[in-house]
Amino acid sequence: MDVTEQVEAYLARQPEPKQADLRRLHAHILAEFPGCRLWFTDGKDADGKVVANPNIGYGAYTITYADGSSREFYRIGLSANTTGISVYVLGLDDKTYLARTYGGSIGKASVTGYCIKFRHLAVINVDVLQAAIQYGMSVHQVGWAGADAPAGQPARLLPSP
């Protein structure tokens, strides 16, 4: 099964209305960043043990560890959790940036150093979420096809209902 099929199967397994929100986010991230690399991680380690929630990933950057080793990973992650949805913004040098910049204006969401967690899209300011995703995809971006960030004025990630 290729990545697109894995993502579709994952989305299809989610209950409504979470599935609709995840599909909306997924479609708009792909529309906003059409050349980005698509990832799917099933949340299992090398031994098949579940260690995290499955994630859909977008873009790419290189993680460098303290021991000098490195590996490629996604910039933005999208995941269902027991209470809603998590959007991960990875690869930021300043672990206070998300909370300082978006925490006060995003609405009913928990914002940590790399995660924005909320129950559903209706309880957050989607323009603020869009800004956080755009920032995460453009800062030190490696996986963007042909450019570090989209040219010109970006389209709205989540159109107003």
Protein backbone atom coordinates (compact mmCIF):
# COMPACT_ATOMS: atom_id res chain seq x y z
CA MET A 1 0.00 0.00 0.00
CA ASP A 2 1.50 3.37 -0.97
CA VAL A 3 1.47 6.44 1.29
CA THR A 4 -1.67 7.95 -0.28
CA GLU A 5 -3.55 4.68 0.26
CA GLN A 6 -2.30 4.44 3.86
CA VAL A 7 -3.48 8.00 4.54
CA GLU A 8 -6.90 7.30 3.01
CA ALA A 9 -7.31 4.10 5.04
CA TYR A 10 -6.34 5.97 8.22
CA LEU A 11 -8.81 8.78 7.53
CA ALA A 12 -11.59 6.30 6.70
CA ARG A 13 -11.15 4.63 10.11
CA GLN A 14 -11.82 7.85 12.03
CA PRO A 15 -15.27 8.49 13.48
CA GLU A 16 -17.33 11.48 12.42
CA PRO A 17 -17.11 14.44 12.91
CA LYS A 18 -13.36 13.96 13.50
CA GLN A 19 -12.99 12.32 10.09
CA ALA A 20 -14.50 15.33 8.32
CA ASP A 21 -12.20 17.75 10.16
CA LEU A 22 -9.12 15.62 9.40
CA ARG A 23 -10.11 15.33 5.74
CA ARG A 24 -10.64 19.10 5.54
CA LEU A 25 -7.22 19.79 7.05
CA HIS A 26 -5.53 17.16 4.89
CA ALA A 27 -7.06 18.45 1.64
CA HIS A 28 -6.21 22.05 2.36
CA ILE A 29 -2.62 21.34 3.42
CA LEU A 30 -2.09 19.45 0.15
CA ALA A 31 -3.70 22.31 -1.80
CA GLU A 32 -1.59 24.91 0.00
CA PHE A 33 1.67 22.96 -0.43
CA PRO A 34 1.16 20.83 -3.55
CA GLY A 35 4.82 19.91 -3.96
CA CYS A 36 5.45 18.80 -0.39
CA ARG A 37 6.40 15.28 0.55
CA LEU A 38 3.54 13.20 2.02
CA TRP A 39 4.28 10.81 4.91
CA PHE A 40 2.36 8.27 6.94
CA THR A 41 3.60 6.77 10.19
CA ASP A 42 1.54 4.02 11.79
CA GLY A 43 2.75 4.74 15.33
CA LYS A 44 4.53 1.40 15.71
CA ASP A 45 8.20 0.82 16.49
CA ALA A 46 10.49 -1.67 14.74
CA ASP A 47 9.06 -4.49 16.88
CA GLY A 48 5.45 -3.66 15.91
CA LYS A 49 4.62 -2.21 19.33
CA VAL A 50 2.31 0.84 19.33
CA VAL A 51 4.33 3.76 20.71
CA ALA A 52 2.41 6.76 19.30
CA ASN A 53 -0.73 7.72 17.44
CA PRO A 54 -0.55 7.31 13.65
CA ASN A 55 0.40 10.54 11.85
CA ILE A 56 0.03 12.05 8.41
CA GLY A 57 3.10 14.16 7.67
CA TYR A 58 3.82 16.96 5.20
CA GLY A 59 7.12 18.40 3.99
CA ALA A 60 10.53 17.32 5.23
CA TYR A 61 13.48 18.44 7.29
CA THR A 62 16.55 16.80 8.75
CA ILE A 63 16.63 16.05 12.48
CA THR A 64 20.16 16.13 13.88
CA TYR A 65 20.62 14.34 17.18
CA ALA A 66 23.09 15.15 19.97
CA ASP A 67 25.28 12.21 18.94
CA GLY A 68 25.65 13.71 15.45
CA SER A 69 23.39 11.22 13.68
CA SER A 70 20.52 12.53 11.60
CA ARG A 71 17.40 11.45 9.74
CA GLU A 72 14.68 13.00 7.62
CA PHE A 73 11.23 13.61 9.09
CA TYR A 74 8.11 15.62 8.30
CA ARG A 75 7.57 19.32 9.12
CA ILE A 76 3.81 19.24 9.84
CA GLY A 77 2.03 16.26 11.36
CA LEU A 78 -1.71 15.62 11.56
CA SER A 79 -3.11 13.05 13.95
CA ALA A 80 -6.35 11.97 15.58
CA ASN A 81 -6.16 11.52 19.34
CA THR A 82 -8.65 10.35 21.96
CA THR A 83 -10.12 13.83 22.47
CA GLY A 84 -9.73 15.42 19.04
CA ILE A 85 -6.97 16.39 16.65
CA SER A 86 -3.28 17.24 17.04
CA VAL A 87 -1.31 19.33 14.56
CA TYR A 88 2.44 19.01 15.04
CA VAL A 89 4.79 21.77 13.90
CA LEU A 90 8.23 20.19 14.00
CA GLY A 91 11.75 21.46 13.51
CA LEU A 92 11.33 24.80 15.27
CA ASP A 93 14.45 26.04 17.05
CA ASP A 94 12.45 28.16 19.52
CA LYS A 95 10.25 25.78 21.54
CA THR A 96 8.24 28.73 22.94
CA TYR A 97 7.36 30.20 19.53
CA LEU A 98 4.06 28.39 18.91
CA ALA A 99 2.61 29.13 22.35
CA ARG A 100 3.81 32.76 22.33
CA THR A 101 2.70 33.51 18.79
CA TYR A 102 -0.53 31.53 18.41
CA GLY A 103 -1.60 30.37 21.87
CA GLY A 104 -3.48 33.52 22.84
CA SER A 105 -5.48 33.82 19.64
CA ILE A 106 -6.18 30.29 18.40
CA GLY A 107 -9.21 29.66 20.61
CA LYS A 108 -9.97 26.45 22.50
CA ALA A 109 -6.70 24.65 21.90
CA SER A 110 -3.70 23.52 23.89
CA VAL A 111 -0.48 24.87 22.38
CA THR A 112 2.89 23.45 23.43
CA GLY A 113 6.39 23.70 21.99
CA TYR A 114 5.47 21.71 18.89
CA CYS A 115 1.78 20.69 19.14
CA ILE A 116 -1.60 22.38 18.68
CA LYS A 117 -4.32 20.14 20.11
CA PHE A 118 -8.07 20.82 19.85
CA ARG A 119 -11.39 18.96 19.94
CA HIS A 120 -12.62 20.04 16.50
CA LEU A 121 -12.18 22.84 13.98
CA ALA A 122 -15.31 24.69 15.09
CA VAL A 123 -13.73 25.66 18.43
CA ILE A 124 -10.56 27.24 17.05
CA ASN A 125 -9.63 30.20 14.89
CA VAL A 126 -8.71 28.42 11.66
CA ASP A 127 -6.86 31.47 10.32
CA VAL A 128 -4.47 31.20 13.28
CA LEU A 129 -4.01 27.46 12.67
CA GLN A 130 -3.33 28.26 9.00
CA ALA A 131 -0.67 30.77 10.00
CA ALA A 132 1.04 28.24 12.28
CA ILE A 133 1.05 25.60 9.53
CA GLN A 134 2.38 28.06 6.95
CA TYR A 135 5.13 29.11 9.34
CA GLY A 136 6.08 25.52 10.06
CA MET A 137 6.22 24.63 6.38
CA SER A 138 8.32 27.66 5.43
CA VAL A 139 10.94 27.85 8.21
CA HIS A 140 14.13 26.01 7.25
CA GLN A 141 12.04 23.96 4.83
CA VAL A 142 13.85 21.12 3.09
CA GLY A 143 10.98 19.11 1.60
CA TRP A 144 9.28 21.83 -0.41
CA ALA A 145 9.54 21.10 -4.13
CA GLY A 146 11.25 23.95 -5.93
CA ALA A 147 11.16 26.63 -3.24
CA ASP A 148 11.47 27.30 0.46
CA ALA A 149 7.94 28.67 0.64
CA PRO A 150 5.00 29.19 -1.70
CA ALA A 151 5.36 32.20 -3.99
CA GLY A 152 2.98 35.11 -3.78
CA GLN A 153 -0.02 35.45 -1.51
CA PRO A 154 -0.95 32.03 -0.11
CA ALA A 155 -4.47 30.72 -0.54
CA ARG A 156 -6.57 30.34 2.59
CA LEU A 157 -5.91 26.98 4.21
CA LEU A 158 -9.43 26.64 5.58
CA PRO A 159 -12.12 28.69 3.85
CA SER A 160 -14.75 30.18 6.10
CA PRO A 161 -17.92 28.07 6.17
